[in-house]
Amino acid sequence: MKREKTKSIGEAIAAYVEESRLGEGLLQARICGLWDALTVGQLRLGACTARRSFRAGVLSCKLNSSVVRAHLQFQLEAIRTELNARLGEEIVKQIKLT
């Protein structure tokens, strides 16, 4: 058997993700994980996040505590900037807290 064109493992994984249309789901998981890392690691408030979702540039977070919601409301722009910095591009356009 003769190999025509070999691919690196990174190229093979990227092709599989594209074929399977997993890119959007992986991006959502990554953004939600970064939200948890930022709020738990820096603010110690991540345990109050009941649900997170990301769609069309908007990260929506449902919080269990109105006190935490009020506290985070003043820091949303800084958190959004940090999320985008860690992602390496401007993906998160807005954060909504409910």
N, C-alpha and C. Protein backbone atom coordinates (compact mmCIF):
# COMPACT_ATOMS: atom_id res chain seq x y z
N MET A 1 0.84 -1.17 0.00
CA MET A 1 0.00 0.00 0.00
C MET A 1 0.90 1.24 0.00
N LYS A 2 0.67 2.12 -0.92
CA LYS A 2 1.46 3.33 -1.05
C LYS A 2 0.68 4.51 -0.50
N ARG A 3 1.32 5.30 0.31
CA ARG A 3 0.68 6.50 0.86
C ARG A 3 0.80 7.63 -0.14
N GLU A 4 -0.33 8.22 -0.42
CA GLU A 4 -0.34 9.33 -1.35
C GLU A 4 0.02 10.64 -0.66
N LYS A 5 -0.82 11.02 0.29
CA LYS A 5 -0.59 12.28 0.99
C LYS A 5 -0.88 12.05 2.46
N THR A 6 0.12 12.22 3.28
CA THR A 6 -0.07 12.02 4.71
C THR A 6 -0.50 13.32 5.35
N LYS A 7 -1.24 13.19 6.44
CA LYS A 7 -1.70 14.35 7.20
C LYS A 7 -1.17 14.25 8.61
N SER A 8 -0.97 15.40 9.21
CA SER A 8 -0.60 15.41 10.63
C SER A 8 -1.86 15.11 11.44
N ILE A 9 -1.68 14.74 12.68
CA ILE A 9 -2.84 14.44 13.53
C ILE A 9 -3.71 15.67 13.72
N GLY A 10 -3.11 16.84 13.78
CA GLY A 10 -3.87 18.08 13.90
C GLY A 10 -4.75 18.34 12.69
N GLU A 11 -4.21 18.08 11.50
CA GLU A 11 -5.00 18.24 10.27
C GLU A 11 -6.14 17.23 10.22
N ALA A 12 -5.88 16.00 10.65
CA ALA A 12 -6.92 14.97 10.64
C ALA A 12 -8.04 15.32 11.61
N ILE A 13 -7.69 15.80 12.78
CA ILE A 13 -8.71 16.18 13.75
C ILE A 13 -9.51 17.37 13.25
N ALA A 14 -8.84 18.36 12.69
CA ALA A 14 -9.54 19.54 12.15
C ALA A 14 -10.50 19.13 11.03
N ALA A 15 -10.09 18.21 10.17
CA ALA A 15 -10.96 17.73 9.10
C ALA A 15 -12.16 16.99 9.66
N TYR A 16 -11.94 16.17 10.70
CA TYR A 16 -13.04 15.44 11.32
C TYR A 16 -14.04 16.39 11.97
N VAL A 17 -13.54 17.40 12.68
CA VAL A 17 -14.43 18.38 13.33
C VAL A 17 -15.25 19.11 12.28
N GLU A 18 -14.63 19.46 11.16
CA GLU A 18 -15.36 20.15 10.10
C GLU A 18 -16.40 19.25 9.45
N GLU A 19 -16.01 18.01 9.16
CA GLU A 19 -16.94 17.05 8.55
C GLU A 19 -18.14 16.77 9.44
N SER A 20 -17.88 16.63 10.72
CA SER A 20 -18.93 16.27 11.68
C SER A 20 -19.73 17.47 12.17
N ARG A 21 -19.32 18.66 11.76
CA ARG A 21 -19.97 19.91 12.18
C ARG A 21 -19.99 20.04 13.70
N LEU A 22 -18.86 19.75 14.31
CA LEU A 22 -18.73 19.85 15.76
C LEU A 22 -18.15 21.18 16.21
N GLY A 23 -17.73 22.01 15.29
CA GLY A 23 -17.05 23.26 15.63
C GLY A 23 -17.85 24.17 16.54
N GLU A 24 -19.13 24.36 16.24
CA GLU A 24 -19.97 25.26 17.04
C GLU A 24 -20.14 24.74 18.46
N GLY A 25 -20.37 23.45 18.60
CA GLY A 25 -20.53 22.86 19.94
C GLY A 25 -19.25 22.93 20.75
N LEU A 26 -18.12 22.70 20.09
CA LEU A 26 -16.84 22.79 20.79
C LEU A 26 -16.55 24.22 21.23
N LEU A 27 -16.92 25.18 20.39
CA LEU A 27 -16.75 26.59 20.75
C LEU A 27 -17.62 26.94 21.94
N GLN A 28 -18.87 26.47 21.95
CA GLN A 28 -19.77 26.72 23.08
C GLN A 28 -19.19 26.15 24.36
N ALA A 29 -18.71 24.93 24.31
CA ALA A 29 -18.14 24.29 25.49
C ALA A 29 -16.91 25.05 25.98
N ARG A 30 -16.09 25.51 25.05
CA ARG A 30 -14.89 26.25 25.43
C ARG A 30 -15.24 27.59 26.09
N ILE A 31 -16.22 28.30 25.54
CA ILE A 31 -16.62 29.59 26.10
C ILE A 31 -17.24 29.40 27.49
N CYS A 32 -18.09 28.41 27.63
CA CYS A 32 -18.71 28.15 28.95
C CYS A 32 -17.66 27.73 29.97
N GLY A 33 -16.68 26.96 29.54
CA GLY A 33 -15.59 26.59 30.43
C GLY A 33 -14.76 27.79 30.86
N LEU A 34 -14.52 28.71 29.93
CA LEU A 34 -13.78 29.92 30.28
C LEU A 34 -14.58 30.80 31.24
N TRP A 35 -15.90 30.87 31.04
CA TRP A 35 -16.75 31.62 31.98
C TRP A 35 -16.58 31.05 33.39
N ASP A 36 -16.65 29.73 33.50
CA ASP A 36 -16.47 29.09 34.81
C ASP A 36 -15.10 29.39 35.39
N ALA A 37 -14.07 29.32 34.55
CA ALA A 37 -12.70 29.58 35.03
C ALA A 37 -12.55 31.01 35.53
N LEU A 38 -13.14 31.95 34.81
CA LEU A 38 -13.03 33.35 35.21
C LEU A 38 -13.83 33.65 36.48
N THR A 39 -15.05 33.17 36.56
CA THR A 39 -15.88 33.50 37.71
C THR A 39 -15.49 32.71 38.95
N VAL A 40 -15.09 31.47 38.79
CA VAL A 40 -14.66 30.68 39.95
C VAL A 40 -13.26 31.10 40.37
N GLY A 41 -12.35 31.22 39.39
CA GLY A 41 -10.96 31.51 39.70
C GLY A 41 -10.72 32.90 40.24
N GLN A 42 -11.37 33.90 39.67
CA GLN A 42 -11.09 35.27 40.06
C GLN A 42 -12.13 35.83 41.01
N LEU A 43 -13.37 35.53 40.79
CA LEU A 43 -14.43 36.15 41.57
C LEU A 43 -15.03 35.24 42.63
N ARG A 44 -14.74 33.94 42.55
CA ARG A 44 -15.28 32.95 43.50
C ARG A 44 -16.81 32.94 43.48
N LEU A 45 -17.39 33.17 42.30
CA LEU A 45 -18.85 33.23 42.19
C LEU A 45 -19.41 32.21 41.22
N GLY A 46 -18.60 31.38 40.63
CA GLY A 46 -19.04 30.46 39.59
C GLY A 46 -20.04 29.42 40.06
N ALA A 47 -20.04 29.09 41.34
CA ALA A 47 -20.98 28.09 41.84
C ALA A 47 -22.42 28.58 41.74
N CYS A 48 -22.61 29.85 41.58
CA CYS A 48 -23.96 30.42 41.49
C CYS A 48 -24.50 30.38 40.06
N THR A 49 -23.70 29.96 39.09
CA THR A 49 -24.15 29.89 37.70
C THR A 49 -24.93 28.60 37.51
N ALA A 50 -26.22 28.72 37.22
CA ALA A 50 -27.08 27.56 37.04
C ALA A 50 -27.02 27.03 35.61
N ARG A 51 -26.94 27.93 34.63
CA ARG A 51 -26.98 27.50 33.23
C ARG A 51 -26.26 28.53 32.37
N ARG A 52 -25.56 28.03 31.36
CA ARG A 52 -24.85 28.90 30.42
C ARG A 52 -25.15 28.43 29.01
N SER A 53 -25.25 29.38 28.10
CA SER A 53 -25.39 29.03 26.68
C SER A 53 -24.77 30.14 25.85
N PHE A 54 -24.32 29.77 24.66
CA PHE A 54 -23.70 30.74 23.76
C PHE A 54 -24.30 30.56 22.38
N ARG A 55 -24.80 31.66 21.82
CA ARG A 55 -25.38 31.62 20.47
C ARG A 55 -25.27 33.00 19.84
N ALA A 56 -24.79 33.02 18.63
CA ALA A 56 -24.73 34.25 17.82
C ALA A 56 -24.01 35.39 18.53
N GLY A 57 -22.91 35.08 19.21
CA GLY A 57 -22.12 36.12 19.86
C GLY A 57 -22.61 36.55 21.23
N VAL A 58 -23.66 35.92 21.73
CA VAL A 58 -24.23 36.29 23.03
C VAL A 58 -24.07 35.14 24.01
N LEU A 59 -23.38 35.39 25.11
CA LEU A 59 -23.24 34.43 26.19
C LEU A 59 -24.33 34.74 27.22
N SER A 60 -25.24 33.80 27.42
CA SER A 60 -26.33 33.98 28.39
C SER A 60 -26.05 33.10 29.60
N CYS A 61 -26.12 33.70 30.78
CA CYS A 61 -25.85 32.99 32.02
C CYS A 61 -27.01 33.19 32.99
N LYS A 62 -27.57 32.09 33.45
CA LYS A 62 -28.63 32.15 34.46
C LYS A 62 -27.97 31.96 35.81
N LEU A 63 -28.19 32.92 36.70
CA LEU A 63 -27.57 32.90 38.02
C LEU A 63 -28.61 32.62 39.09
N ASN A 64 -28.18 31.91 40.13
CA ASN A 64 -29.06 31.58 41.24
C ASN A 64 -29.22 32.70 42.25
N SER A 65 -28.32 33.65 42.23
CA SER A 65 -28.28 34.68 43.26
C SER A 65 -28.40 36.07 42.65
N SER A 66 -29.33 36.85 43.16
CA SER A 66 -29.47 38.22 42.69
C SER A 66 -28.30 39.08 43.15
N VAL A 67 -27.72 38.75 44.28
CA VAL A 67 -26.55 39.49 44.78
C VAL A 67 -25.36 39.29 43.84
N VAL A 68 -25.15 38.06 43.42
CA VAL A 68 -24.07 37.76 42.48
C VAL A 68 -24.33 38.43 41.15
N ARG A 69 -25.58 38.40 40.69
CA ARG A 69 -25.95 39.04 39.43
C ARG A 69 -25.62 40.54 39.48
N ALA A 70 -25.98 41.19 40.57
CA ALA A 70 -25.70 42.62 40.72
C ALA A 70 -24.20 42.89 40.75
N HIS A 71 -23.45 42.02 41.42
CA HIS A 71 -22.00 42.17 41.51
C HIS A 71 -21.36 42.03 40.12
N LEU A 72 -21.80 41.02 39.36
CA LEU A 72 -21.22 40.77 38.04
C LEU A 72 -21.64 41.81 37.01
N GLN A 73 -22.79 42.42 37.21
CA GLN A 73 -23.31 43.39 36.25
C GLN A 73 -22.30 44.50 35.98
N PHE A 74 -21.56 44.89 37.00
CA PHE A 74 -20.57 45.97 36.86
C PHE A 74 -19.28 45.50 36.22
N GLN A 75 -19.08 44.19 36.14
CA GLN A 75 -17.83 43.66 35.61
C GLN A 75 -17.97 42.96 34.26
N LEU A 76 -19.14 43.06 33.64
CA LEU A 76 -19.40 42.33 32.41
C LEU A 76 -18.44 42.69 31.28
N GLU A 77 -18.14 43.96 31.13
CA GLU A 77 -17.25 44.36 30.03
C GLU A 77 -15.84 43.82 30.24
N ALA A 78 -15.36 43.84 31.47
CA ALA A 78 -14.03 43.30 31.76
C ALA A 78 -14.00 41.79 31.55
N ILE A 79 -15.05 41.10 31.94
CA ILE A 79 -15.13 39.65 31.74
C ILE A 79 -15.21 39.34 30.25
N ARG A 80 -16.01 40.09 29.50
CA ARG A 80 -16.12 39.88 28.05
C ARG A 80 -14.77 40.09 27.37
N THR A 81 -14.06 41.13 27.77
CA THR A 81 -12.74 41.41 27.20
C THR A 81 -11.77 40.27 27.51
N GLU A 82 -11.79 39.77 28.73
CA GLU A 82 -10.91 38.67 29.12
C GLU A 82 -11.26 37.37 28.38
N LEU A 83 -12.55 37.10 28.22
CA LEU A 83 -12.98 35.92 27.46
C LEU A 83 -12.43 35.97 26.04
N ASN A 84 -12.61 37.11 25.38
CA ASN A 84 -12.14 37.26 24.01
C ASN A 84 -10.61 37.20 23.93
N ALA A 85 -9.93 37.72 24.94
CA ALA A 85 -8.47 37.64 24.95
C ALA A 85 -8.01 36.19 25.05
N ARG A 86 -8.67 35.42 25.88
CA ARG A 86 -8.30 34.00 26.02
C ARG A 86 -8.69 33.19 24.79
N LEU A 87 -9.73 33.60 24.09
CA LEU A 87 -10.13 32.92 22.86
C LEU A 87 -9.25 33.32 21.68
N GLY A 88 -8.62 34.47 21.78
CA GLY A 88 -7.73 34.92 20.72
C GLY A 88 -8.40 35.70 19.61
N GLU A 89 -9.69 35.93 19.73
CA GLU A 89 -10.41 36.74 18.75
C GLU A 89 -11.71 37.24 19.37
N GLU A 90 -12.34 38.17 18.69
CA GLU A 90 -13.57 38.81 19.19
C GLU A 90 -14.77 37.93 18.85
N ILE A 91 -15.10 36.99 19.73
CA ILE A 91 -16.21 36.06 19.51
C ILE A 91 -17.41 36.44 20.34
N VAL A 92 -17.18 36.74 21.62
CA VAL A 92 -18.27 37.10 22.53
C VAL A 92 -18.56 38.58 22.36
N LYS A 93 -19.74 38.89 21.84
CA LYS A 93 -20.13 40.28 21.61
C LYS A 93 -20.87 40.88 22.81
N GLN A 94 -21.59 40.01 23.54
CA GLN A 94 -22.41 40.49 24.65
C GLN A 94 -22.57 39.37 25.67
N ILE A 95 -22.72 39.77 26.94
CA ILE A 95 -23.02 38.81 28.02
C ILE A 95 -24.33 39.25 28.64
N LYS A 96 -25.28 38.31 28.73
CA LYS A 96 -26.56 38.59 29.37
C LYS A 96 -26.67 37.76 30.63
N LEU A 97 -27.07 38.42 31.72
CA LEU A 97 -27.29 37.73 32.99
C LEU A 97 -28.76 37.69 33.28
N THR A 98 -29.26 36.53 33.65
CA THR A 98 -30.68 36.40 34.03
C THR A 98 -30.79 35.72 35.36
